[in-house]
Structure formats: structure tokens, C-alpha cells
C-alpha atoms as a PDB file:
ATOM      1  CA  THR A   1     -55.102  40.003  16.047  1.00  0.00           C
ATOM      2  CA  SER A   2     -57.001  37.293  17.838  1.00  0.00           C
ATOM      3  CA  ASN A   3     -59.417  37.007  14.913  1.00  0.00           C
ATOM      4  CA  PRO A   4     -57.963  34.696  12.233  1.00  0.00           C
ATOM      5  CA  GLU A   5     -60.166  36.287   9.571  1.00  0.00           C
ATOM      6  CA  GLU A   6     -58.290  39.564  10.117  1.00  0.00           C
ATOM      7  CA  ALA A   7     -54.824  37.980   9.991  1.00  0.00           C
ATOM      8  CA  ASP A   8     -52.606  38.476   6.963  1.00  0.00           C
ATOM      9  CA  TYR A   9     -50.164  35.766   8.068  1.00  0.00           C
ATOM     10  CA  PHE A  10     -49.889  32.894  10.527  1.00  0.00           C
ATOM     11  CA  LEU A  11     -46.598  32.216  12.300  1.00  0.00           C
ATOM     12  CA  VAL A  12     -45.382  28.615  12.534  1.00  0.00           C
ATOM     13  CA  PRO A  13     -42.242  28.673  14.702  1.00  0.00           C
ATOM     14  CA  TRP A  14     -40.182  25.537  14.136  1.00  0.00           C
ATOM     15  CA  HIS A  15     -37.367  25.598  16.616  1.00  0.00           C
ATOM     16  CA  THR A  16     -34.816  23.367  14.936  1.00  0.00           C
ATOM     17  CA  TRP A  17     -31.990  24.531  17.178  1.00  0.00           C
ATOM     18  CA  CYS A  18     -34.011  23.679  20.294  1.00  0.00           C
ATOM     19  CA  ASP A  19     -34.901  20.278  18.847  1.00  0.00           C
ATOM     20  CA  ARG A  20     -31.242  19.571  18.214  1.00  0.00           C
ATOM     21  CA  MET A  21     -29.796  20.879  21.475  1.00  0.00           C
ATOM     22  CA  ILE A  22     -32.480  20.296  24.096  1.00  0.00           C
ATOM     23  CA  PHE A  23     -34.141  17.165  22.749  1.00  0.00           C
ATOM     24  CA  ARG A  24     -30.847  15.861  21.274  1.00  0.00           C
ATOM     25  CA  MET A  25     -32.373  15.179  17.870  1.00  0.00           C
ATOM     26  CA  ASN A  26     -30.186  14.699  14.801  1.00  0.00           C
ATOM     27  CA  GLN A  27     -26.916  14.535  16.665  1.00  0.00           C
ATOM     28  CA  SER A  28     -25.171  12.962  13.682  1.00  0.00           C
ATOM     29  CA  ARG A  29     -24.029  15.036  10.734  1.00  0.00           C
ATOM     30  CA  GLU A  30     -26.692  13.505   8.504  1.00  0.00           C
ATOM     31  CA  PRO A  31     -29.383  16.100   7.673  1.00  0.00           C
ATOM     32  CA  ILE A  32     -32.246  13.640   8.059  1.00  0.00           C
ATOM     33  CA  GLY A  33     -33.909  11.728  10.861  1.00  0.00           C
ATOM     34  CA  ASP A  34     -35.797  12.673  13.971  1.00  0.00           C
ATOM     35  CA  ILE A  35     -36.375  16.338  13.165  1.00  0.00           C
ATOM     36  CA  SER A  36     -37.728  15.496   9.742  1.00  0.00           C
ATOM     37  CA  ALA A  37     -40.192  13.080  11.364  1.00  0.00           C
ATOM     38  CA  VAL A  38     -41.475  15.870  13.632  1.00  0.00           C
ATOM     39  CA  TYR A  39     -41.990  18.159  10.634  1.00  0.00           C
ATOM     40  CA  LEU A  40     -43.677  15.427   8.615  1.00  0.00           C
ATOM     41  CA  ASP A  41     -46.007  14.708  11.523  1.00  0.00           C
ATOM     42  CA  LEU A  42     -46.978  18.382  11.636  1.00  0.00           C
ATOM     43  CA  MET A  43     -47.692  18.417   7.920  1.00  0.00           C
ATOM     44  CA  HIS A  44     -49.706  15.194   8.037  1.00  0.00           C
ATOM     45  CA  ARG A  45     -51.769  16.691  10.865  1.00  0.00           C
ATOM     46  CA  LYS A  46     -51.984  20.203   9.418  1.00  0.00           C
ATOM     47  CA  GLU A  47     -55.786  20.270   9.394  1.00  0.00           C
ATOM     48  CA  GLU A  48     -55.667  19.736  13.157  1.00  0.00           C
ATOM     49  CA  LEU A  49     -52.529  21.710  14.079  1.00  0.00           C
ATOM     50  CA  LEU A  50     -52.662  24.462  11.441  1.00  0.00           C
ATOM     51  CA  PRO A  51     -56.391  25.145  11.236  1.00  0.00           C
ATOM     52  CA  HIS A  52     -56.063  28.080   8.816  1.00  0.00           C
ATOM     53  CA  TRP A  53     -53.774  26.305   6.343  1.00  0.00           C
ATOM     54  CA  SER A  54     -56.510  25.603   3.821  1.00  0.00           C
ATOM     55  CA  ARG A  55     -57.414  29.290   3.510  1.00  0.00           C
ATOM     56  CA  GLN A  56     -54.432  29.935   1.207  1.00  0.00           C
ATOM     57  CA  LEU A  57     -52.890  26.431   1.055  1.00  0.00           C
ATOM     58  CA  GLY A  58     -50.091  27.641   3.333  1.00  0.00           C
ATOM     59  CA  ARG A  59     -49.157  30.744   1.346  1.00  0.00           C
ATOM     60  CA  ASP A  60     -50.052  32.897   4.351  1.00  0.00           C
ATOM     61  CA  HIS A  61     -47.996  30.834   6.813  1.00  0.00           C
ATOM     62  CA  ILE A  62     -44.555  31.983   7.927  1.00  0.00           C
ATOM     63  CA  PHE A  63     -42.096  29.305   9.024  1.00  0.00           C
ATOM     64  CA  ILE A  64     -39.078  30.225  11.113  1.00  0.00           C
ATOM     65  CA  PHE A  65     -36.019  28.087  10.460  1.00  0.00           C
ATOM     66  CA  SER A  66     -32.738  28.355  12.302  1.00  0.00           C
ATOM     67  CA  ASP A  67     -29.532  26.364  12.329  1.00  0.00           C
ATOM     68  CA  GLN A  68     -29.930  25.175   8.744  1.00  0.00           C
ATOM     69  CA  GLY A  69     -33.479  24.084   9.534  1.00  0.00           C
ATOM     70  CA  LEU A  70     -34.440  23.365   5.948  1.00  0.00           C
ATOM     71  CA  ASN A  71     -31.603  20.864   5.750  1.00  0.00           C
ATOM     72  CA  PHE A  72     -33.254  18.881   8.533  1.00  0.00           C
ATOM     73  CA  PHE A  73     -36.542  18.824   6.630  1.00  0.00           C
ATOM     74  CA  PRO A  74     -35.489  17.683   3.144  1.00  0.00           C
ATOM     75  CA  GLU A  75     -39.117  17.068   2.162  1.00  0.00           C
ATOM     76  CA  TRP A  76     -40.004  20.763   2.580  1.00  0.00           C
ATOM     77  CA  ARG A  77     -40.634  21.225  -1.164  1.00  0.00           C
ATOM     78  CA  ASP A  78     -43.381  18.597  -0.990  1.00  0.00           C
ATOM     79  CA  HIS A  79     -45.185  20.303   1.891  1.00  0.00           C
ATOM     80  CA  ILE A  80     -44.420  24.007   2.329  1.00  0.00           C
ATOM     81  CA  SER A  81     -42.924  25.235  -0.943  1.00  0.00           C
ATOM     82  CA  HIS A  82     -45.470  28.063  -1.213  1.00  0.00           C
ATOM     83  CA  SER A  83     -45.084  29.280   2.362  1.00  0.00           C
ATOM     84  CA  VAL A  84     -42.945  32.163   3.603  1.00  0.00           C
ATOM     85  CA  PHE A  85     -39.617  31.338   5.308  1.00  0.00           C
ATOM     86  CA  LEU A  86     -37.608  33.350   7.798  1.00  0.00           C
ATOM     87  CA  THR A  87     -34.179  31.836   8.119  1.00  0.00           C
ATOM     88  CA  THR A  88     -30.825  32.772   9.624  1.00  0.00           C
ATOM     89  CA  GLU A  89     -28.882  31.556   6.576  1.00  0.00           C
ATOM     90  CA  ALA A  90     -28.299  33.768   3.563  1.00  0.00           C
ATOM     91  CA  LEU A  91     -28.428  30.739   1.285  1.00  0.00           C
ATOM     92  CA  THR A  92     -29.479  27.475   2.806  1.00  0.00           C
ATOM     93  CA  PRO A  93     -26.824  24.816   2.108  1.00  0.00           C
ATOM     94  CA  GLY A  94     -27.999  22.169  -0.296  1.00  0.00           C
ATOM     95  CA  CYS A  95     -30.647  24.489  -1.683  1.00  0.00           C
ATOM     96  CA  GLY A  96     -29.014  27.752  -2.787  1.00  0.00           C
ATOM     97  CA  PRO A  97     -30.774  30.193  -5.125  1.00  0.00           C
ATOM     98  CA  SER A  98     -33.390  27.618  -6.174  1.00  0.00           C
ATOM     99  CA  CYS A  99     -35.015  28.072  -2.731  1.00  0.00           C
ATOM    100  CA  PHE A 100     -35.993  31.557  -3.676  1.00  0.00           C
ATOM    101  CA  ASN A 101     -37.622  30.970  -7.064  1.00  0.00           C
END
């Protein structure tokens, strides 16, 4: 729908794989750094970039993570813990079953 009042969910596609391969972010094995800064910037500017966030405090926002995306955003629990995740991993390394509580 083009009417946000009719939407059940809002999609927030975070393309971690593209960030890593095309923009050459996080080329070390450390799961922190440039990509995390991009995510933190989005969350600090959520009123501007995610205008419907406040409606449900992010509970109606779906984040797409690929290539162990949550590992590259270790602060996710502080910012999007109540949101919906679509991820390519069965259990995200470093998080495991506690991600799904």
C-alpha cells in the first residue's frame, strides 16, 4: 500500500553483503566497524529516515539481514530488539537461541 496508515509492516532492507562487497566495509574478520557505524547512524536518525518508527516503536518494522548481518551490528539489542528480522542464518553466530526470545 502507498498509505502508511494501512500498512501492517514497514520493510527496512539492510544490505550487509552489498556493504561488505561493493563498498568494501568490514574487510577484516572483526565483526565491528564501518557497517556498525552505518546502522547506528540510521538508528540515530530514525525519526528522519524511518518516519513510521514511533507508531509501534519499531515492532512493525522488518529488517533484512544477510551474511551474518547481526554480527556486524552488535548494538542491535539496544536499537531494534523488538523489530522483526529476516535472516539467511538459522542461528546467528554469537547470538544463538537468545535472539529469538
